[in-house]
Amino acid sequence: MTNRRGDPARSRESSRAVERVLRAEQQAQAGLEQARKDAQVVLERARDEALAIVNRALERSGRWQQLHARRLDERAAALRAQADASEGAGNRIDPEAIAAAVDHVAALLTGGTQGDAGDEPG
């Protein structure tokens, strides 16, 4: 029998096999490192996109708030103007005209005529 450990052809074959395994391991390691780099790039892009989405949402929210604050201010100003106009109109009310209107309504409600509203039933 021949000693396989001493066989030069077998030794070369074993050396080549070890070299192939080492190359495959190095290639796998390089592939893994490239996959990590690729994953980092994808992660950074996703973060950038998420940040852009948040920024757009904040801008829209800010515009919405400004619009509604402006509308609220306009509505408040309109209500103040309306209140001011009402106060000004209140100073111009004729007490005799109010009394006449009250007499007229009272007459209508009691079935009398405008002149009868102040009379007592008799």
PDB file of N, CA and C in Angstrom:
ATOM      1  N   MET A   1       0.811  -1.184   0.000  1.00  0.00           N
ATOM      2  CA  MET A   1       0.000   0.000   0.000  1.00  0.00           C
ATOM      3  C   MET A   1       0.851   1.242   0.000  1.00  0.00           C
ATOM      4  N   THR A   2       0.309   2.279  -0.572  1.00  0.00           N
ATOM      5  CA  THR A   2       1.050   3.535  -0.609  1.00  0.00           C
ATOM      6  C   THR A   2       0.553   4.441   0.496  1.00  0.00           C
ATOM      7  N   ASN A   3       1.434   5.217   0.983  1.00  0.00           N
ATOM      8  CA  ASN A   3       1.100   6.179   2.029  1.00  0.00           C
ATOM      9  C   ASN A   3       0.499   7.414   1.374  1.00  0.00           C
ATOM     10  N   ARG A   4      -0.765   7.690   1.658  1.00  0.00           N
ATOM     11  CA  ARG A   4      -1.443   8.808   1.002  1.00  0.00           C
ATOM     12  C   ARG A   4      -0.885  10.141   1.446  1.00  0.00           C
ATOM     13  N   ARG A   5      -0.386  10.228   2.651  1.00  0.00           N
ATOM     14  CA  ARG A   5       0.164  11.499   3.107  1.00  0.00           C
ATOM     15  C   ARG A   5       1.438  11.840   2.345  1.00  0.00           C
ATOM     16  N   GLY A   6       2.091  10.908   1.894  1.00  0.00           N
ATOM     17  CA  GLY A   6       3.330  11.145   1.184  1.00  0.00           C
ATOM     18  C   GLY A   6       3.142  11.290  -0.304  1.00  0.00           C
ATOM     19  N   ASP A   7       1.926  11.100  -0.800  1.00  0.00           N
ATOM     20  CA  ASP A   7       1.642  11.185  -2.229  1.00  0.00           C
ATOM     21  C   ASP A   7       1.629  12.650  -2.660  1.00  0.00           C
ATOM     22  N   PRO A   8       2.581  13.031  -3.543  1.00  0.00           N
ATOM     23  CA  PRO A   8       2.653  14.430  -3.967  1.00  0.00           C
ATOM     24  C   PRO A   8       1.406  14.875  -4.733  1.00  0.00           C
ATOM     25  N   ALA A   9       0.812  14.015  -5.529  1.00  0.00           N
ATOM     26  CA  ALA A   9      -0.402  14.395  -6.281  1.00  0.00           C
ATOM     27  C   ALA A   9      -1.543  14.654  -5.313  1.00  0.00           C
ATOM     28  N   ARG A  10      -1.634  13.817  -4.328  1.00  0.00           N
ATOM     29  CA  ARG A  10      -2.701  13.970  -3.320  1.00  0.00           C
ATOM     30  C   ARG A  10      -2.455  15.236  -2.503  1.00  0.00           C
ATOM     31  N   SER A  11      -1.217  15.523  -2.222  1.00  0.00           N
ATOM     32  CA  SER A  11      -0.865  16.706  -1.451  1.00  0.00           C
ATOM     33  C   SER A  11      -1.221  17.971  -2.230  1.00  0.00           C
ATOM     34  N   ARG A  12      -0.926  17.983  -3.556  1.00  0.00           N
ATOM     35  CA  ARG A  12      -1.284  19.129  -4.393  1.00  0.00           C
ATOM     36  C   ARG A  12      -2.793  19.298  -4.463  1.00  0.00           C
ATOM     37  N   GLU A  13      -3.495  18.217  -4.575  1.00  0.00           N
ATOM     38  CA  GLU A  13      -4.965  18.251  -4.634  1.00  0.00           C
ATOM     39  C   GLU A  13      -5.536  18.811  -3.324  1.00  0.00           C
ATOM     40  N   SER A  14      -4.981  18.393  -2.218  1.00  0.00           N
ATOM     41  CA  SER A  14      -5.429  18.892  -0.918  1.00  0.00           C
ATOM     42  C   SER A  14      -5.129  20.388  -0.787  1.00  0.00           C
ATOM     43  N   SER A  15      -3.945  20.790  -1.234  1.00  0.00           N
ATOM     44  CA  SER A  15      -3.569  22.208  -1.186  1.00  0.00           C
ATOM     45  C   SER A  15      -4.529  23.042  -2.015  1.00  0.00           C
ATOM     46  N   ARG A  16      -4.843  22.564  -3.217  1.00  0.00           N
ATOM     47  CA  ARG A  16      -5.787  23.288  -4.082  1.00  0.00           C
ATOM     48  C   ARG A  16      -7.167  23.365  -3.432  1.00  0.00           C
ATOM     49  N   ALA A  17      -7.580  22.303  -2.806  1.00  0.00           N
ATOM     50  CA  ALA A  17      -8.891  22.287  -2.144  1.00  0.00           C
ATOM     51  C   ALA A  17      -8.911  23.303  -1.004  1.00  0.00           C
ATOM     52  N   VAL A  18      -7.854  23.344  -0.232  1.00  0.00           N
ATOM     53  CA  VAL A  18      -7.771  24.318   0.866  1.00  0.00           C
ATOM     54  C   VAL A  18      -7.771  25.726   0.291  1.00  0.00           C
ATOM     55  N   GLU A  19      -7.026  25.955  -0.777  1.00  0.00           N
ATOM     56  CA  GLU A  19      -6.986  27.271  -1.415  1.00  0.00           C
ATOM     57  C   GLU A  19      -8.375  27.664  -1.933  1.00  0.00           C
ATOM     58  N   ARG A  20      -9.081  26.710  -2.534  1.00  0.00           N
ATOM     59  CA  ARG A  20     -10.450  26.994  -3.023  1.00  0.00           C
ATOM     60  C   ARG A  20     -11.375  27.379  -1.864  1.00  0.00           C
ATOM     61  N   VAL A  21     -11.245  26.648  -0.771  1.00  0.00           N
ATOM     62  CA  VAL A  21     -12.075  26.950   0.399  1.00  0.00           C
ATOM     63  C   VAL A  21     -11.725  28.329   0.936  1.00  0.00           C
ATOM     64  N   LEU A  22     -10.449  28.645   1.006  1.00  0.00           N
ATOM     65  CA  LEU A  22     -10.033  29.968   1.495  1.00  0.00           C
ATOM     66  C   LEU A  22     -10.521  31.079   0.564  1.00  0.00           C
ATOM     67  N   ARG A  23     -10.393  30.866  -0.756  1.00  0.00           N
ATOM     68  CA  ARG A  23     -10.898  31.864  -1.721  1.00  0.00           C
ATOM     69  C   ARG A  23     -12.405  32.034  -1.582  1.00  0.00           C
ATOM     70  N   ALA A  24     -13.107  30.927  -1.455  1.00  0.00           N
ATOM     71  CA  ALA A  24     -14.562  30.984  -1.296  1.00  0.00           C
ATOM     72  C   ALA A  24     -14.924  31.732  -0.011  1.00  0.00           C
ATOM     73  N   GLU A  25     -14.170  31.491   1.032  1.00  0.00           N
ATOM     74  CA  GLU A  25     -14.409  32.190   2.299  1.00  0.00           C
ATOM     75  C   GLU A  25     -14.139  33.688   2.149  1.00  0.00           C
ATOM     76  N   GLN A  26     -13.049  34.032   1.465  1.00  0.00           N
ATOM     77  CA  GLN A  26     -12.731  35.438   1.232  1.00  0.00           C
ATOM     78  C   GLN A  26     -13.805  36.109   0.368  1.00  0.00           C
ATOM     79  N   GLN A  27     -14.269  35.395  -0.661  1.00  0.00           N
ATOM     80  CA  GLN A  27     -15.319  35.935  -1.518  1.00  0.00           C
ATOM     81  C   GLN A  27     -16.623  36.112  -0.736  1.00  0.00           C
ATOM     82  N   ALA A  28     -16.923  35.160   0.112  1.00  0.00           N
ATOM     83  CA  ALA A  28     -18.125  35.263   0.932  1.00  0.00           C
ATOM     84  C   ALA A  28     -18.008  36.449   1.889  1.00  0.00           C
ATOM     85  N   GLN A  29     -16.825  36.622   2.464  1.00  0.00           N
ATOM     86  CA  GLN A  29     -16.589  37.747   3.373  1.00  0.00           C
ATOM     87  C   GLN A  29     -16.726  39.071   2.618  1.00  0.00           C
ATOM     88  N   ALA A  30     -16.154  39.136   1.414  1.00  0.00           N
ATOM     89  CA  ALA A  30     -16.255  40.357   0.599  1.00  0.00           C
ATOM     90  C   ALA A  30     -17.713  40.605   0.207  1.00  0.00           C
ATOM     91  N   GLY A  31     -18.424  39.538  -0.148  1.00  0.00           N
ATOM     92  CA  GLY A  31     -19.842  39.675  -0.486  1.00  0.00           C
ATOM     93  C   GLY A  31     -20.662  40.162   0.693  1.00  0.00           C
ATOM     94  N   LEU A  32     -20.346  39.649   1.867  1.00  0.00           N
ATOM     95  CA  LEU A  32     -21.034  40.073   3.083  1.00  0.00           C
ATOM     96  C   LEU A  32     -20.751  41.548   3.364  1.00  0.00           C
ATOM     97  N   GLU A  33     -19.519  41.954   3.221  1.00  0.00           N
ATOM     98  CA  GLU A  33     -19.152  43.361   3.446  1.00  0.00           C
ATOM     99  C   GLU A  33     -19.861  44.271   2.434  1.00  0.00           C
ATOM    100  N   GLN A  34     -19.940  43.833   1.182  1.00  0.00           N
ATOM    101  CA  GLN A  34     -20.644  44.617   0.165  1.00  0.00           C
ATOM    102  C   GLN A  34     -22.131  44.699   0.491  1.00  0.00           C
ATOM    103  N   ALA A  35     -22.694  43.605   0.958  1.00  0.00           N
ATOM    104  CA  ALA A  35     -24.106  43.605   1.337  1.00  0.00           C
ATOM    105  C   ALA A  35     -24.350  44.572   2.493  1.00  0.00           C
ATOM    106  N   ARG A  36     -23.416  44.635   3.430  1.00  0.00           N
ATOM    107  CA  ARG A  36     -23.537  45.595   4.544  1.00  0.00           C
ATOM    108  C   ARG A  36     -23.498  47.035   4.020  1.00  0.00           C
ATOM    109  N   LYS A  37     -22.572  47.296   3.101  1.00  0.00           N
ATOM    110  CA  LYS A  37     -22.484  48.644   2.518  1.00  0.00           C
ATOM    111  C   LYS A  37     -23.757  48.991   1.758  1.00  0.00           C
ATOM    112  N   ASP A  38     -24.257  48.037   0.982  1.00  0.00           N
ATOM    113  CA  ASP A  38     -25.503  48.269   0.227  1.00  0.00           C
ATOM    114  C   ASP A  38     -26.672  48.525   1.174  1.00  0.00           C
ATOM    115  N   ALA A  39     -26.722  47.754   2.235  1.00  0.00           N
ATOM    116  CA  ALA A  39     -27.797  47.927   3.218  1.00  0.00           C
ATOM    117  C   ALA A  39     -27.704  49.305   3.874  1.00  0.00           C
ATOM    118  N   GLN A  40     -26.492  49.756   4.151  1.00  0.00           N
ATOM    119  CA  GLN A  40     -26.305  51.084   4.745  1.00  0.00           C
ATOM    120  C   GLN A  40     -26.800  52.175   3.796  1.00  0.00           C
ATOM    121  N   VAL A  41     -26.505  52.021   2.512  1.00  0.00           N
ATOM    122  CA  VAL A  41     -26.976  52.995   1.516  1.00  0.00           C
ATOM    123  C   VAL A  41     -28.501  53.018   1.476  1.00  0.00           C
ATOM    124  N   VAL A  42     -29.122  51.840   1.468  1.00  0.00           N
ATOM    125  CA  VAL A  42     -30.583  51.757   1.451  1.00  0.00           C
ATOM    126  C   VAL A  42     -31.157  52.386   2.721  1.00  0.00           C
ATOM    127  N   LEU A  43     -30.541  52.117   3.843  1.00  0.00           N
ATOM    128  CA  LEU A  43     -31.002  52.681   5.117  1.00  0.00           C
ATOM    129  C   LEU A  43     -30.899  54.204   5.110  1.00  0.00           C
ATOM    130  N   GLU A  44     -29.805  54.738   4.610  1.00  0.00           N
ATOM    131  CA  GLU A  44     -29.645  56.191   4.543  1.00  0.00           C
ATOM    132  C   GLU A  44     -30.677  56.813   3.614  1.00  0.00           C
ATOM    133  N   ARG A  45     -30.947  56.174   2.490  1.00  0.00           N
ATOM    134  CA  ARG A  45     -31.986  56.682   1.576  1.00  0.00           C
ATOM    135  C   ARG A  45     -33.351  56.675   2.248  1.00  0.00           C
ATOM    136  N   ALA A  46     -33.646  55.592   2.969  1.00  0.00           N
ATOM    137  CA  ALA A  46     -34.934  55.497   3.666  1.00  0.00           C
ATOM    138  C   ALA A  46     -35.046  56.590   4.726  1.00  0.00           C
ATOM    139  N   ARG A  47     -33.972  56.847   5.445  1.00  0.00           N
ATOM    140  CA  ARG A  47     -33.983  57.921   6.454  1.00  0.00           C
ATOM    141  C   ARG A  47     -34.201  59.276   5.793  1.00  0.00           C
ATOM    142  N   ASP A  48     -33.511  59.488   4.666  1.00  0.00           N
ATOM    143  CA  ASP A  48     -33.684  60.760   3.940  1.00  0.00           C
ATOM    144  C   ASP A  48     -35.123  60.929   3.473  1.00  0.00           C
ATOM    145  N   GLU A  49     -35.703  59.853   2.945  1.00  0.00           N
ATOM    146  CA  GLU A  49     -37.090  59.918   2.485  1.00  0.00           C
ATOM    147  C   GLU A  49     -38.045  60.169   3.648  1.00  0.00           C
ATOM    148  N   ALA A  50     -37.804  59.511   4.761  1.00  0.00           N
ATOM    149  CA  ALA A  50     -38.658  59.708   5.943  1.00  0.00           C
ATOM    150  C   ALA A  50     -38.553  61.155   6.429  1.00  0.00           C
ATOM    151  N   LEU A  51     -37.349  61.683   6.449  1.00  0.00           N
ATOM    152  CA  LEU A  51     -37.158  63.071   6.866  1.00  0.00           C
ATOM    153  C   LEU A  51     -37.861  64.026   5.903  1.00  0.00           C
ATOM    154  N   ALA A  52     -37.796  63.741   4.618  1.00  0.00           N
ATOM    155  CA  ALA A  52     -38.482  64.577   3.633  1.00  0.00           C
ATOM    156  C   ALA A  52     -39.994  64.534   3.847  1.00  0.00           C
ATOM    157  N   ILE A  53     -40.516  63.364   4.151  1.00  0.00           N
ATOM    158  CA  ILE A  53     -41.958  63.231   4.416  1.00  0.00           C
ATOM    159  C   ILE A  53     -42.340  64.043   5.640  1.00  0.00           C
ATOM    160  N   VAL A  54     -41.549  63.941   6.690  1.00  0.00           N
ATOM    161  CA  VAL A  54     -41.836  64.701   7.916  1.00  0.00           C
ATOM    162  C   VAL A  54     -41.769  66.199   7.630  1.00  0.00           C
ATOM    163  N   ASN A  55     -40.765  66.621   6.879  1.00  0.00           N
ATOM    164  CA  ASN A  55     -40.638  68.047   6.559  1.00  0.00           C
ATOM    165  C   ASN A  55     -41.822  68.544   5.740  1.00  0.00           C
ATOM    166  N   ARG A  56     -42.257  67.747   4.759  1.00  0.00           N
ATOM    167  CA  ARG A  56     -43.432  68.149   3.959  1.00  0.00           C
ATOM    168  C   ARG A  56     -44.672  68.237   4.835  1.00  0.00           C
ATOM    169  N   ALA A  57     -44.837  67.283   5.727  1.00  0.00           N
ATOM    170  CA  ALA A  57     -45.999  67.304   6.627  1.00  0.00           C
ATOM    171  C   ALA A  57     -45.962  68.529   7.531  1.00  0.00           C
ATOM    172  N   LEU A  58     -44.789  68.860   8.043  1.00  0.00           N
ATOM    173  CA  LEU A  58     -44.658  70.047   8.889  1.00  0.00           C
ATOM    174  C   LEU A  58     -44.954  71.322   8.104  1.00  0.00           C
ATOM    175  N   GLU A  59     -44.489  71.382   6.865  1.00  0.00           N
ATOM    176  CA  GLU A  59     -44.763  72.554   6.028  1.00  0.00           C
ATOM    177  C   GLU A  59     -46.259  72.681   5.770  1.00  0.00           C
ATOM    178  N   ARG A  60     -46.899  71.583   5.429  1.00  0.00           N
ATOM    179  CA  ARG A  60     -48.345  71.619   5.183  1.00  0.00           C
ATOM    180  C   ARG A  60     -49.101  72.024   6.441  1.00  0.00           C
ATOM    181  N   SER A  61     -48.698  71.461   7.556  1.00  0.00           N
ATOM    182  CA  SER A  61     -49.345  71.788   8.824  1.00  0.00           C
ATOM    183  C   SER A  61     -49.154  73.264   9.142  1.00  0.00           C
ATOM    184  N   GLY A  62     -47.970  73.775   8.916  1.00  0.00           N
ATOM    185  CA  GLY A  62     -47.693  75.189   9.159  1.00  0.00           C
ATOM    186  C   GLY A  62     -48.539  76.090   8.276  1.00  0.00           C
ATOM    187  N   ARG A  63     -48.642  75.720   6.996  1.00  0.00           N
ATOM    188  CA  ARG A  63     -49.481  76.513   6.078  1.00  0.00           C
ATOM    189  C   ARG A  63     -50.943  76.458   6.504  1.00  0.00           C
ATOM    190  N   TRP A  64     -51.397  75.269   6.908  1.00  0.00           N
ATOM    191  CA  TRP A  64     -52.782  75.117   7.359  1.00  0.00           C
ATOM    192  C   TRP A  64     -53.032  75.988   8.582  1.00  0.00           C
ATOM    193  N   GLN A  65     -52.106  75.959   9.534  1.00  0.00           N
ATOM    194  CA  GLN A  65     -52.267  76.762  10.744  1.00  0.00           C
ATOM    195  C   GLN A  65     -52.270  78.253  10.421  1.00  0.00           C
ATOM    196  N   GLN A  66     -51.396  78.678   9.526  1.00  0.00           N
ATOM    197  CA  GLN A  66     -51.366  80.092   9.147  1.00  0.00           C
ATOM    198  C   GLN A  66     -52.667  80.501   8.468  1.00  0.00           C
ATOM    199  N   LEU A  67     -53.151  79.657   7.577  1.00  0.00           N
ATOM    200  CA  LEU A  67     -54.401  79.955   6.879  1.00  0.00           C
ATOM    201  C   LEU A  67     -55.555  80.085   7.867  1.00  0.00           C
ATOM    202  N   HIS A  68     -55.659  79.139   8.768  1.00  0.00           N
ATOM    203  CA  HIS A  68     -56.778  79.161   9.708  1.00  0.00           C
ATOM    204  C   HIS A  68     -56.608  80.269  10.757  1.00  0.00           C
ATOM    205  N   ALA A  69     -55.406  80.597  11.117  1.00  0.00           N
ATOM    206  CA  ALA A  69     -55.189  81.731  12.022  1.00  0.00           C
ATOM    207  C   ALA A  69     -55.610  83.023  11.340  1.00  0.00           C
ATOM    208  N   ARG A  70     -55.274  83.144  10.051  1.00  0.00           N
ATOM    209  CA  ARG A  70     -55.674  84.335   9.290  1.00  0.00           C
ATOM    210  C   ARG A  70     -57.198  84.403   9.183  1.00  0.00           C
ATOM    211  N   ARG A  71     -57.834  83.265   8.887  1.00  0.00           N
ATOM    212  CA  ARG A  71     -59.299  83.239   8.801  1.00  0.00           C
ATOM    213  C   ARG A  71     -59.942  83.573  10.147  1.00  0.00           C
ATOM    214  N   LEU A  72     -59.358  83.061  11.214  1.00  0.00           N
ATOM    215  CA  LEU A  72     -59.874  83.351  12.551  1.00  0.00           C
ATOM    216  C   LEU A  72     -59.744  84.847  12.858  1.00  0.00           C
ATOM    217  N   ASP A  73     -58.601  85.417  12.514  1.00  0.00           N
ATOM    218  CA  ASP A  73     -58.414  86.855  12.721  1.00  0.00           C
ATOM    219  C   ASP A  73     -59.419  87.666  11.908  1.00  0.00           C
ATOM    220  N   GLU A  74     -59.631  87.252  10.662  1.00  0.00           N
ATOM    221  CA  GLU A  74     -60.604  87.960   9.812  1.00  0.00           C
ATOM    222  C   GLU A  74     -62.009  87.854  10.393  1.00  0.00           C
ATOM    223  N   ARG A  75     -62.363  86.669  10.863  1.00  0.00           N
ATOM    224  CA  ARG A  75     -63.702  86.481  11.447  1.00  0.00           C
ATOM    225  C   ARG A  75     -63.855  87.307  12.722  1.00  0.00           C
ATOM    226  N   ALA A  76     -62.813  87.320  13.550  1.00  0.00           N
ATOM    227  CA  ALA A  76     -62.860  88.108  14.784  1.00  0.00           C
ATOM    228  C   ALA A  76     -62.987  89.595  14.455  1.00  0.00           C
ATOM    229  N   ALA A  77     -62.262  90.054  13.448  1.00  0.00           N
ATOM    230  CA  ALA A  77     -62.354  91.463  13.048  1.00  0.00           C
ATOM    231  C   ALA A  77     -63.757  91.778  12.536  1.00  0.00           C
ATOM    232  N   ALA A  78     -64.330  90.862  11.774  1.00  0.00           N
ATOM    233  CA  ALA A  78     -65.692  91.078  11.263  1.00  0.00           C
ATOM    234  C   ALA A  78     -66.690  91.129  12.411  1.00  0.00           C
ATOM    235  N   LEU A  79     -66.529  90.244  13.383  1.00  0.00           N
ATOM    236  CA  LEU A  79     -67.434  90.259  14.531  1.00  0.00           C
ATOM    237  C   LEU A  79     -67.268  91.539  15.355  1.00  0.00           C
ATOM    238  N   ARG A  80     -66.013  91.995  15.501  1.00  0.00           N
ATOM    239  CA  ARG A  80     -65.786  93.258  16.221  1.00  0.00           C
ATOM    240  C   ARG A  80     -66.424  94.420  15.475  1.00  0.00           C
ATOM    241  N   ALA A  81     -66.279  94.429  14.154  1.00  0.00           N
ATOM    242  CA  ALA A  81     -66.881  95.500  13.361  1.00  0.00           C
ATOM    243  C   ALA A  81     -68.403  95.451  13.482  1.00  0.00           C
ATOM    244  N   GLN A  82     -68.932  94.250  13.460  1.00  0.00           N
ATOM    245  CA  GLN A  82     -70.385  94.096  13.596  1.00  0.00           C
ATOM    246  C   GLN A  82     -70.844  94.572  14.978  1.00  0.00           C
ATOM    247  N   ALA A  83     -70.085  94.227  16.012  1.00  0.00           N
ATOM    248  CA  ALA A  83     -70.428  94.669  17.366  1.00  0.00           C
ATOM    249  C   ALA A  83     -70.325  96.189  17.472  1.00  0.00           C
ATOM    250  N   ASP A  84     -69.280  96.758  16.874  1.00  0.00           N
ATOM    251  CA  ASP A  84     -69.136  98.216  16.891  1.00  0.00           C
ATOM    252  C   ASP A  84     -70.292  98.880  16.168  1.00  0.00           C
ATOM    253  N   ALA A  85     -70.702  98.308  15.046  1.00  0.00           N
ATOM    254  CA  ALA A  85     -71.829  98.869  14.296  1.00  0.00           C
ATOM    255  C   ALA A  85     -73.116  98.770  15.112  1.00  0.00           C
ATOM    256  N   SER A  86     -73.278  97.662  15.819  1.00  0.00           N
ATOM    257  CA  SER A  86     -74.477  97.491  16.651  1.00  0.00           C
ATOM    258  C   SER A  86     -74.493  98.502  17.780  1.00  0.00           C
ATOM    259  N   GLU A  87     -73.343  98.739  18.401  1.00  0.00           N
ATOM    260  CA  GLU A  87     -73.268  99.729  19.474  1.00  0.00           C
ATOM    261  C   GLU A  87     -73.579 101.117  18.945  1.00  0.00           C
ATOM    262  N   GLY A  88     -73.062 101.419  17.779  1.00  0.00           N
ATOM    263  CA  GLY A  88     -73.318 102.730  17.175  1.00  0.00           C
ATOM    264  C   GLY A  88     -74.776 102.884  16.824  1.00  0.00           C
ATOM    265  N   ALA A  89     -75.376 101.825  16.361  1.00  0.00           N
ATOM    266  CA  ALA A  89     -76.802 101.882  16.001  1.00  0.00           C
ATOM    267  C   ALA A  89     -77.655 102.009  17.246  1.00  0.00           C
ATOM    268  N   GLY A  90     -77.226 101.425  18.358  1.00  0.00           N
ATOM    269  CA  GLY A  90     -77.977 101.500  19.607  1.00  0.00           C
ATOM    270  C   GLY A  90     -78.089 102.928  20.110  1.00  0.00           C
ATOM    271  N   ASN A  91     -77.116 103.728  19.845  1.00  0.00           N
ATOM    272  CA  ASN A  91     -77.155 105.125  20.282  1.00  0.00           C
ATOM    273  C   ASN A  91     -78.107 105.951  19.431  1.00  0.00           C
ATOM    274  N   ARG A  92     -78.490 105.472  18.273  1.00  0.00           N
ATOM    275  CA  ARG A  92     -79.354 106.227  17.382  1.00  0.00           C
ATOM    276  C   ARG A  92     -80.819 105.793  17.475  1.00  0.00           C
ATOM    277  N   ILE A  93     -81.116 104.907  18.407  1.00  0.00           N
ATOM    278  CA  ILE A  93     -82.485 104.412  18.519  1.00  0.00           C
ATOM    279  C   ILE A  93     -83.371 105.506  19.122  1.00  0.00           C
ATOM    280  N   ASP A  94     -84.495 105.671  18.511  1.00  0.00           N
ATOM    281  CA  ASP A  94     -85.481 106.668  18.966  1.00  0.00           C
ATOM    282  C   ASP A  94     -86.411 106.006  19.968  1.00  0.00           C
ATOM    283  N   PRO A  95     -86.409 106.453  21.241  1.00  0.00           N
ATOM    284  CA  PRO A  95     -87.268 105.842  22.248  1.00  0.00           C
ATOM    285  C   PRO A  95     -88.749 105.939  21.887  1.00  0.00           C
ATOM    286  N   GLU A  96     -89.149 106.982  21.228  1.00  0.00           N
ATOM    287  CA  GLU A  96     -90.558 107.123  20.819  1.00  0.00           C
ATOM    288  C   GLU A  96     -90.909 106.081  19.757  1.00  0.00           C
ATOM    289  N   ALA A  97     -89.945 105.777  18.870  1.00  0.00           N
ATOM    290  CA  ALA A  97     -90.192 104.768  17.840  1.00  0.00           C
ATOM    291  C   ALA A  97     -90.327 103.401  18.477  1.00  0.00           C
ATOM    292  N   ILE A  98     -89.522 103.119  19.506  1.00  0.00           N
ATOM    293  CA  ILE A  98     -89.614 101.836  20.203  1.00  0.00           C
ATOM    294  C   ILE A  98     -90.966 101.734  20.906  1.00  0.00           C
ATOM    295  N   ALA A  99     -91.368 102.782  21.568  1.00  0.00           N
ATOM    296  CA  ALA A  99     -92.668 102.781  22.268  1.00  0.00           C
ATOM    297  C   ALA A  99     -93.798 102.555  21.279  1.00  0.00           C
ATOM    298  N   ALA A 100     -93.737 103.170  20.123  1.00  0.00           N
ATOM    299  CA  ALA A 100     -94.774 102.996  19.112  1.00  0.00           C
ATOM    300  C   ALA A 100     -94.792 101.564  18.601  1.00  0.00           C
ATOM    301  N   ALA A 101     -93.612 100.978  18.429  1.00  0.00           N
ATOM    302  CA  ALA A 101     -93.534  99.596  17.958  1.00  0.00           C
ATOM    303  C   ALA A 101     -94.096  98.649  19.001  1.00  0.00           C
ATOM    304  N   VAL A 102     -93.781  98.892  20.273  1.00  0.00           N
ATOM    305  CA  VAL A 102     -94.315  98.059  21.349  1.00  0.00           C
ATOM    306  C   VAL A 102     -95.835  98.163  21.383  1.00  0.00           C
ATOM    307  N   ASP A 103     -96.368  99.370  21.270  1.00  0.00           N
ATOM    308  CA  ASP A 103     -97.815  99.547  21.258  1.00  0.00           C
ATOM    309  C   ASP A 103     -98.445  98.806  20.090  1.00  0.00           C
ATOM    310  N   HIS A 104     -97.814  98.857  18.958  1.00  0.00           N
ATOM    311  CA  HIS A 104     -98.337  98.197  17.767  1.00  0.00           C
ATOM    312  C   HIS A 104     -98.369  96.678  17.955  1.00  0.00           C
ATOM    313  N   VAL A 105     -97.275  96.107  18.468  1.00  0.00           N
ATOM    314  CA  VAL A 105     -97.206  94.660  18.690  1.00  0.00           C
ATOM    315  C   VAL A 105     -98.215  94.241  19.744  1.00  0.00           C
ATOM    316  N   ALA A 106     -98.324  95.023  20.815  1.00  0.00           N
ATOM    317  CA  ALA A 106     -99.286  94.700  21.867  1.00  0.00           C
ATOM    318  C   ALA A 106    -100.701  94.719  21.315  1.00  0.00           C
ATOM    319  N   ALA A 107    -101.003  95.657  20.467  1.00  0.00           N
ATOM    320  CA  ALA A 107    -102.335  95.742  19.882  1.00  0.00           C
ATOM    321  C   ALA A 107    -102.601  94.538  18.997  1.00  0.00           C
ATOM    322  N   LEU A 108    -101.617  94.145  18.247  1.00  0.00           N
ATOM    323  CA  LEU A 108    -101.794  92.987  17.376  1.00  0.00           C
ATOM    324  C   LEU A 108    -102.018  91.718  18.201  1.00  0.00           C
ATOM    325  N   LEU A 109    -101.292  91.576  19.304  1.00  0.00           N
ATOM    326  CA  LEU A 109    -101.395  90.379  20.126  1.00  0.00           C
ATOM    327  C   LEU A 109    -102.703  90.328  20.918  1.00  0.00           C
ATOM    328  N   THR A 110    -103.221  91.458  21.273  1.00  0.00           N
ATOM    329  CA  THR A 110    -104.461  91.479  22.068  1.00  0.00           C
ATOM    330  C   THR A 110    -105.698  91.612  21.206  1.00  0.00           C
ATOM    331  N   GLY A 111    -105.523  91.755  19.937  1.00  0.00           N
ATOM    332  CA  GLY A 111    -106.651  91.859  19.038  1.00  0.00           C
ATOM    333  C   GLY A 111    -107.231  93.259  18.956  1.00  0.00           C
ATOM    334  N   GLY A 112    -106.622  94.203  19.599  1.00  0.00           N
ATOM    335  CA  GLY A 112    -107.109  95.581  19.563  1.00  0.00           C
ATOM    336  C   GLY A 112    -106.472  96.334  18.421  1.00  0.00           C
ATOM    337  N   THR A 113    -106.725  97.609  18.390  1.00  0.00           N
ATOM    338  CA  THR A 113    -106.090  98.465  17.407  1.00  0.00           C
ATOM    339  C   THR A 113    -104.905  99.120  18.056  1.00  0.00           C
ATOM    340  N   GLN A 114    -104.114  99.762  17.273  1.00  0.00           N
ATOM    341  CA  GLN A 114    -102.880 100.350  17.775  1.00  0.00           C
ATOM    342  C   GLN A 114    -103.179 101.360  18.887  1.00  0.00           C
ATOM    343  N   GLY A 115    -104.198 102.115  18.772  1.00  0.00           N
ATOM    344  CA  GLY A 115    -104.527 103.096  19.789  1.00  0.00           C
ATOM    345  C   GLY A 115    -105.108 102.479  21.039  1.00  0.00           C
ATOM    346  N   ASP A 116    -105.638 101.261  20.969  1.00  0.00           N
ATOM    347  CA  ASP A 116    -106.275 100.611  22.122  1.00  0.00           C
ATOM    348  C   ASP A 116    -105.276  99.889  23.004  1.00  0.00           C
ATOM    349  N   ALA A 117    -104.039  99.781  22.600  1.00  0.00           N
ATOM    350  CA  ALA A 117    -103.090  98.948  23.342  1.00  0.00           C
ATOM    351  C   ALA A 117    -102.870  99.452  24.760  1.00  0.00           C
ATOM    352  N   GLY A 118    -102.913 100.715  24.967  1.00  0.00           N
ATOM    353  CA  GLY A 118    -102.687 101.244  26.286  1.00  0.00           C
ATOM    354  C   GLY A 118    -103.955 101.322  27.141  1.00  0.00           C
ATOM    355  N   ASP A 119    -105.109 101.136  26.546  1.00  0.00           N
ATOM    356  CA  ASP A 119    -106.378 101.245  27.285  1.00  0.00           C
ATOM    357  C   ASP A 119    -106.608 100.009  28.101  1.00  0.00           C
ATOM    358  N   GLU A 120    -107.290 100.206  29.237  1.00  0.00           N
ATOM    359  CA  GLU A 120    -107.654  99.068  30.071  1.00  0.00           C
ATOM    360  C   GLU A 120    -108.968  98.519  29.600  1.00  0.00           C
ATOM    361  N   PRO A 121    -109.164  97.220  29.739  1.00  0.00           N
ATOM    362  CA  PRO A 121    -110.442  96.647  29.311  1.00  0.00           C
ATOM    363  C   PRO A 121    -111.561  97.193  30.175  1.00  0.00           C
ATOM    364  N   GLY A 122    -112.692  97.438  29.558  1.00  0.00           N
ATOM    365  CA  GLY A 122    -113.694  98.090  30.344  1.00  0.00           C
ATOM    366  C   GLY A 122    -115.007  97.649  30.051  1.00  0.00           C
TER     367      GLY A 122
END
